[in-house]
C-alpha atoms as a PDB file:
ATOM      1  CA  MET A   1       0.000   0.000   0.000  1.00  0.00           C
ATOM      2  CA  SER A   2       1.020   3.586  -0.578  1.00  0.00           C
ATOM      3  CA  THR A   3       1.407   5.942   2.362  1.00  0.00           C
ATOM      4  CA  LEU A   4       0.750   9.607   3.086  1.00  0.00           C
ATOM      5  CA  ARG A   5       2.464  11.463   5.886  1.00  0.00           C
ATOM      6  CA  ALA A   6       1.693  15.022   6.962  1.00  0.00           C
ATOM      7  CA  LEU A   7       4.147  17.161   8.920  1.00  0.00           C
ATOM      8  CA  ASN A   8       3.784  20.691  10.191  1.00  0.00           C
ATOM      9  CA  GLY A   9       6.347  23.273   9.130  1.00  0.00           C
ATOM     10  CA  THR A  10       8.711  23.226  12.069  1.00  0.00           C
ATOM     11  CA  TYR A  11      11.507  20.986  10.783  1.00  0.00           C
ATOM     12  CA  ARG A  12      13.076  23.595   8.468  1.00  0.00           C
ATOM     13  CA  THR A  13      12.316  27.120   7.364  1.00  0.00           C
ATOM     14  CA  LEU A  14      10.105  27.542   4.307  1.00  0.00           C
ATOM     15  CA  ASP A  15      13.174  28.445   2.246  1.00  0.00           C
ATOM     16  CA  GLY A  16      15.060  25.476   3.698  1.00  0.00           C
ATOM     17  CA  ILE A  17      12.368  22.919   2.884  1.00  0.00           C
ATOM     18  CA  VAL A  18      11.810  24.214  -0.673  1.00  0.00           C
ATOM     19  CA  LYS A  19      15.564  24.102  -1.323  1.00  0.00           C
ATOM     20  CA  TYR A  20      15.712  20.614   0.208  1.00  0.00           C
ATOM     21  CA  ILE A  21      12.994  19.082  -1.978  1.00  0.00           C
ATOM     22  CA  ALA A  22      14.501  20.664  -5.135  1.00  0.00           C
ATOM     23  CA  SER A  23      18.151  19.839  -4.369  1.00  0.00           C
ATOM     24  CA  ASN A  24      19.765  17.192  -6.549  1.00  0.00           C
ATOM     25  CA  GLU A  25      22.855  17.463  -4.361  1.00  0.00           C
ATOM     26  CA  GLU A  26      20.850  16.362  -1.293  1.00  0.00           C
ATOM     27  CA  HIS A  27      19.195  13.524  -3.243  1.00  0.00           C
ATOM     28  CA  ASN A  28      22.083  11.981  -5.202  1.00  0.00           C
ATOM     29  CA  ASP A  29      20.917  13.567  -8.484  1.00  0.00           C
ATOM     30  CA  LEU A  30      17.587  11.769  -8.155  1.00  0.00           C
ATOM     31  CA  VAL A  31      15.124  14.660  -7.996  1.00  0.00           C
ATOM     32  CA  LEU A  32      13.113  13.294 -10.888  1.00  0.00           C
ATOM     33  CA  TYR A  33      10.636  16.161 -11.132  1.00  0.00           C
ATOM     34  CA  TYR A  34      10.194  19.544  -9.459  1.00  0.00           C
ATOM     35  CA  ASP A  35       7.452  22.119 -10.004  1.00  0.00           C
ATOM     36  CA  ALA A  36       5.076  24.475  -8.229  1.00  0.00           C
ATOM     37  CA  VAL A  37       1.414  25.410  -8.467  1.00  0.00           C
ATOM     38  CA  GLY A  38       0.406  29.028  -7.849  1.00  0.00           C
ATOM     39  CA  ALA A  39       4.036  30.103  -7.712  1.00  0.00           C
ATOM     40  CA  ASP A  40       7.069  30.313  -9.965  1.00  0.00           C
ATOM     41  CA  PRO A  41       8.847  26.996  -9.289  1.00  0.00           C
ATOM     42  CA  PHE A  42      12.229  28.729  -9.243  1.00  0.00           C
ATOM     43  CA  ARG A  43      11.003  31.467  -6.906  1.00  0.00           C
ATOM     44  CA  ALA A  44       8.468  29.499  -4.878  1.00  0.00           C
ATOM     45  CA  THR A  45       9.785  30.659  -1.512  1.00  0.00           C
ATOM     46  CA  ARG A  46       9.649  34.310  -2.581  1.00  0.00           C
ATOM     47  CA  ASP A  47       6.121  33.947  -3.934  1.00  0.00           C
ATOM     48  CA  MET A  48       4.891  32.197  -0.771  1.00  0.00           C
ATOM     49  CA  LEU A  49       6.517  34.806   1.471  1.00  0.00           C
ATOM     50  CA  LEU A  50       4.876  37.587  -0.561  1.00  0.00           C
ATOM     51  CA  VAL A  51       1.447  36.093   0.197  1.00  0.00           C
ATOM     52  CA  LYS A  52       2.350  35.906   3.888  1.00  0.00           C
ATOM     53  CA  ALA A  53       3.528  39.530   3.844  1.00  0.00           C
ATOM     54  CA  ALA A  54       0.398  40.733   2.039  1.00  0.00           C
ATOM     55  CA  TYR A  55      -1.747  39.359   4.877  1.00  0.00           C
ATOM     56  CA  ASN A  56       0.752  40.118   7.662  1.00  0.00           C
ATOM     57  CA  LYS A  57       1.000  36.382   8.500  1.00  0.00           C
ATOM     58  CA  ARG A  58       4.732  35.775   8.809  1.00  0.00           C
ATOM     59  CA  GLY A  59       4.622  34.170  12.256  1.00  0.00           C
ATOM     60  CA  GLY A  60       3.940  30.606  13.272  1.00  0.00           C
ATOM     61  CA  SER A  61       4.193  27.546  11.093  1.00  0.00           C
ATOM     62  CA  GLU A  62       5.338  28.490   7.591  1.00  0.00           C
ATOM     63  CA  TYR A  63       4.181  25.419   5.692  1.00  0.00           C
ATOM     64  CA  VAL A  64       2.678  21.943   5.817  1.00  0.00           C
ATOM     65  CA  GLN A  65       4.605  19.121   4.191  1.00  0.00           C
ATOM     66  CA  ILE A  66       2.816  16.124   2.711  1.00  0.00           C
ATOM     67  CA  ILE A  67       4.853  13.081   1.669  1.00  0.00           C
ATOM     68  CA  VAL A  68       3.248  10.446  -0.560  1.00  0.00           C
ATOM     69  CA  SER A  69       5.242   7.217  -0.941  1.00  0.00           C
ATOM     70  CA  LEU A  70       4.661   4.229  -3.177  1.00  0.00           C
ATOM     71  CA  MET A  71       5.582   0.642  -2.454  1.00  0.00           C
ATOM     72  CA  GLU A  72       8.928  -0.348  -3.940  1.00  0.00           C
ATOM     73  CA  ALA A  73       7.304  -3.004  -6.149  1.00  0.00           C
ATOM     74  CA  GLU A  74       5.063  -0.462  -7.892  1.00  0.00           C
ATOM     75  CA  ILE A  75       7.858   1.047  -9.972  1.00  0.00           C
ATOM     76  CA  ILE A  76       9.167  -1.385 -12.541  1.00  0.00           C
ATOM     77  CA  CYS A  77       9.987   0.796 -15.540  1.00  0.00           C
ATOM     78  CA  GLN A  78      10.372   4.411 -16.618  1.00  0.00           C
ATOM     79  CA  ASP A  79       6.694   4.548 -17.652  1.00  0.00           C
ATOM     80  CA  ASP A  80       5.767   3.927 -13.996  1.00  0.00           C
ATOM     81  CA  VAL A  81       7.920   6.897 -12.956  1.00  0.00           C
ATOM     82  CA  ALA A  82       6.193   9.094 -15.555  1.00  0.00           C
ATOM     83  CA  ARG A  83       2.773   7.964 -14.288  1.00  0.00           C
ATOM     84  CA  PHE A  84       3.776   8.870 -10.723  1.00  0.00           C
ATOM     85  CA  GLN A  85       4.952  12.290 -11.884  1.00  0.00           C
ATOM     86  CA  SER A  86       1.548  12.807 -13.502  1.00  0.00           C
ATOM     87  CA  ALA A  87      -0.230  11.573 -10.364  1.00  0.00           C
ATOM     88  CA  SER A  88       1.879  13.965  -8.266  1.00  0.00           C
ATOM     89  CA  ARG A  89       0.886  16.866 -10.524  1.00  0.00           C
ATOM     90  CA  ALA A  90      -2.782  15.872 -10.143  1.00  0.00           C
ATOM     91  CA  ILE A  91      -2.376  15.744  -6.345  1.00  0.00           C
ATOM     92  CA  ALA A  92      -0.696  19.169  -6.299  1.00  0.00           C
ATOM     93  CA  ASP A  93      -3.437  20.669  -8.497  1.00  0.00           C
ATOM     94  CA  MET A  94      -6.138  19.164  -6.276  1.00  0.00           C
ATOM     95  CA  MET A  95      -4.551  20.552  -3.087  1.00  0.00           C
ATOM     96  CA  PHE A  96      -4.057  23.980  -4.697  1.00  0.00           C
ATOM     97  CA  ASN A  97      -7.748  24.107  -5.629  1.00  0.00           C
ATOM     98  CA  LYS A  98      -8.970  22.622  -2.337  1.00  0.00           C
ATOM     99  CA  TYR A  99      -6.843  24.672   0.069  1.00  0.00           C
ATOM    100  CA  CYS A 100      -6.155  27.824  -2.022  1.00  0.00           C
ATOM    101  CA  CYS A 101      -2.486  27.652  -1.012  1.00  0.00           C
ATOM    102  CA  GLN A 102       0.620  27.720  -3.169  1.00  0.00           C
ATOM    103  CA  ILE A 103       2.493  24.426  -3.451  1.00  0.00           C
ATOM    104  CA  ALA A 104       6.028  23.426  -4.399  1.00  0.00           C
ATOM    105  CA  TYR A 105       6.541  19.716  -4.981  1.00  0.00           C
ATOM    106  CA  ALA A 106       9.152  17.210  -6.093  1.00  0.00           C
ATOM    107  CA  VAL A 107       9.351  13.530  -6.952  1.00  0.00           C
ATOM    108  CA  HIS A 108      12.382  11.757  -5.487  1.00  0.00           C
ATOM    109  CA  GLY A 109      13.938   8.480  -6.554  1.00  0.00           C
ATOM    110  CA  ASN A 110      16.776   8.391  -4.033  1.00  0.00           C
ATOM    111  CA  THR A 111      15.223   5.764  -1.737  1.00  0.00           C
ATOM    112  CA  ASP A 112      13.908   2.243  -2.234  1.00  0.00           C
ATOM    113  CA  ASN A 113      10.442   3.638  -2.853  1.00  0.00           C
ATOM    114  CA  LEU A 114       9.492   6.471  -5.164  1.00  0.00           C
ATOM    115  CA  HIS A 115       7.967   9.363  -3.211  1.00  0.00           C
ATOM    116  CA  ALA A 116       6.794  12.945  -3.615  1.00  0.00           C
ATOM    117  CA  HIS A 117       7.124  15.895  -1.235  1.00  0.00           C
ATOM    118  CA  PHE A 118       4.468  18.620  -1.307  1.00  0.00           C
ATOM    119  CA  VAL A 119       5.292  21.871   0.517  1.00  0.00           C
ATOM    120  CA  ILE A 120       2.072  23.815   1.051  1.00  0.00           C
ATOM    121  CA  ASN A 121       2.120  27.484   2.037  1.00  0.00           C
ATOM    122  CA  SER A 122       0.423  27.840   5.419  1.00  0.00           C
ATOM    123  CA  VAL A 123      -1.389  31.025   4.304  1.00  0.00           C
ATOM    124  CA  ARG A 124      -4.274  30.915   1.818  1.00  0.00           C
ATOM    125  CA  TYR A 125      -3.690  33.326  -1.070  1.00  0.00           C
ATOM    126  CA  VAL A 126      -7.400  34.200  -1.422  1.00  0.00           C
ATOM    127  CA  ASP A 127      -8.152  35.443   2.088  1.00  0.00           C
ATOM    128  CA  GLY A 128      -5.023  35.215   4.260  1.00  0.00           C
ATOM    129  CA  TYR A 129      -6.403  32.546   6.574  1.00  0.00           C
ATOM    130  CA  LYS A 130      -3.986  29.954   7.925  1.00  0.00           C
ATOM    131  CA  LEU A 131      -4.305  26.417   6.602  1.00  0.00           C
ATOM    132  CA  GLN A 132      -5.713  24.013   9.193  1.00  0.00           C
ATOM    133  CA  LEU A 133      -5.336  20.268   8.670  1.00  0.00           C
ATOM    134  CA  GLY A 134      -7.048  18.543  11.561  1.00  0.00           C
ATOM    135  CA  LYS A 135      -7.886  14.851  11.770  1.00  0.00           C
ATOM    136  CA  LYS A 136     -11.084  15.123   9.728  1.00  0.00           C
ATOM    137  CA  GLU A 137      -9.441  17.179   6.961  1.00  0.00           C
ATOM    138  CA  LEU A 138      -6.444  14.845   6.871  1.00  0.00           C
ATOM    139  CA  PHE A 139      -8.740  11.827   6.487  1.00  0.00           C
ATOM    140  CA  GLN A 140     -10.545  13.588   3.602  1.00  0.00           C
ATOM    141  CA  LEU A 141      -7.196  14.411   1.995  1.00  0.00           C
ATOM    142  CA  LYS A 142      -6.083  10.782   2.274  1.00  0.00           C
ATOM    143  CA  THR A 143      -9.305   9.624   0.632  1.00  0.00           C
ATOM    144  CA  ILE A 144      -8.874  11.992  -2.329  1.00  0.00           C
ATOM    145  CA  VAL A 145      -5.157  11.240  -2.737  1.00  0.00           C
ATOM    146  CA  SER A 146      -5.927   7.519  -2.565  1.00  0.00           C
ATOM    147  CA  ASP A 147      -8.464   7.928  -5.378  1.00  0.00           C
ATOM    148  CA  ILE A 148      -5.958   9.874  -7.510  1.00  0.00           C
ATOM    149  CA  LEU A 149      -3.260   7.242  -7.008  1.00  0.00           C
ATOM    150  CA  ASN A 150      -5.755   4.539  -7.948  1.00  0.00           C
ATOM    151  CA  GLN A 151      -6.744   6.448 -11.111  1.00  0.00           C
ATOM    152  CA  TYR A 152      -3.095   6.365 -12.172  1.00  0.00           C
ATOM    153  CA  GLY A 153      -2.805   2.636 -11.479  1.00  0.00           C
ATOM    154  CA  PHE A 154      -1.082   2.739  -8.082  1.00  0.00           C
ATOM    155  CA  SER A 155      -2.144   1.153  -4.813  1.00  0.00           C
ATOM    156  CA  ARG A 156      -4.491   2.987  -2.502  1.00  0.00           C
ATOM    157  CA  LEU A 157      -3.186   4.605   0.664  1.00  0.00           C
ATOM    158  CA  LEU A 158      -2.671   2.707   3.855  1.00  0.00           C
ATOM    159  CA  TYR A 159      -5.145   4.352   6.237  1.00  0.00           C
ATOM    160  CA  TYR A 160      -4.135   5.198   9.765  1.00  0.00           C
ATOM    161  CA  SER A 161      -4.975   7.925  12.249  1.00  0.00           C
ATOM    162  CA  ALA A 162      -3.651  11.446  11.737  1.00  0.00           C
ATOM    163  CA  ASP A 163       0.000  12.045  12.539  1.00  0.00           C
ATOM    164  CA  LYS A 164       0.445  13.410  16.044  1.00  0.00           C
ATOM    165  CA  ASN A 165       2.277  16.383  14.525  1.00  0.00           C
ATOM    166  CA  LEU A 166      -0.993  17.678  13.046  1.00  0.00           C
ATOM    167  CA  GLU A 167      -3.497  16.917  15.803  1.00  0.00           C
ATOM    168  CA  ASN A 168      -5.601  19.978  16.666  1.00  0.00           C
END
């Protein structure tokens, strides 16, 4: 089964996490795809910080990170990698539309299982409200992501209770 993990933005700064997910140096030249939705992918941090500044919301958690991982056996050939890149784009588009937050994301192939990191701005660009992912919202997100993965021919998510890092 595939997995989804959600982490609040306290591990690194927004700039640090965006640089991390995009860095080939950190991932043995195995950042297979990097892009952003609602922001210039090469200036994602700047664009996200501009939204925060516009609404005077620079304090607190800067982002939410979502990590979607496939089982090792699901990637057999390069076509499977391309399908996962497409699925990751669909997931990013869905989250952008659902949460109205900018997203930078990358697909990594530097571990035994292919996975994608999604860095979501904690401030909504439409109204300046902070993104809240409680247990109920996280369960809904897992359901939608599971459906998207299934549409692209991957296993559904392994369901488990919300990560303690996001409990509200």
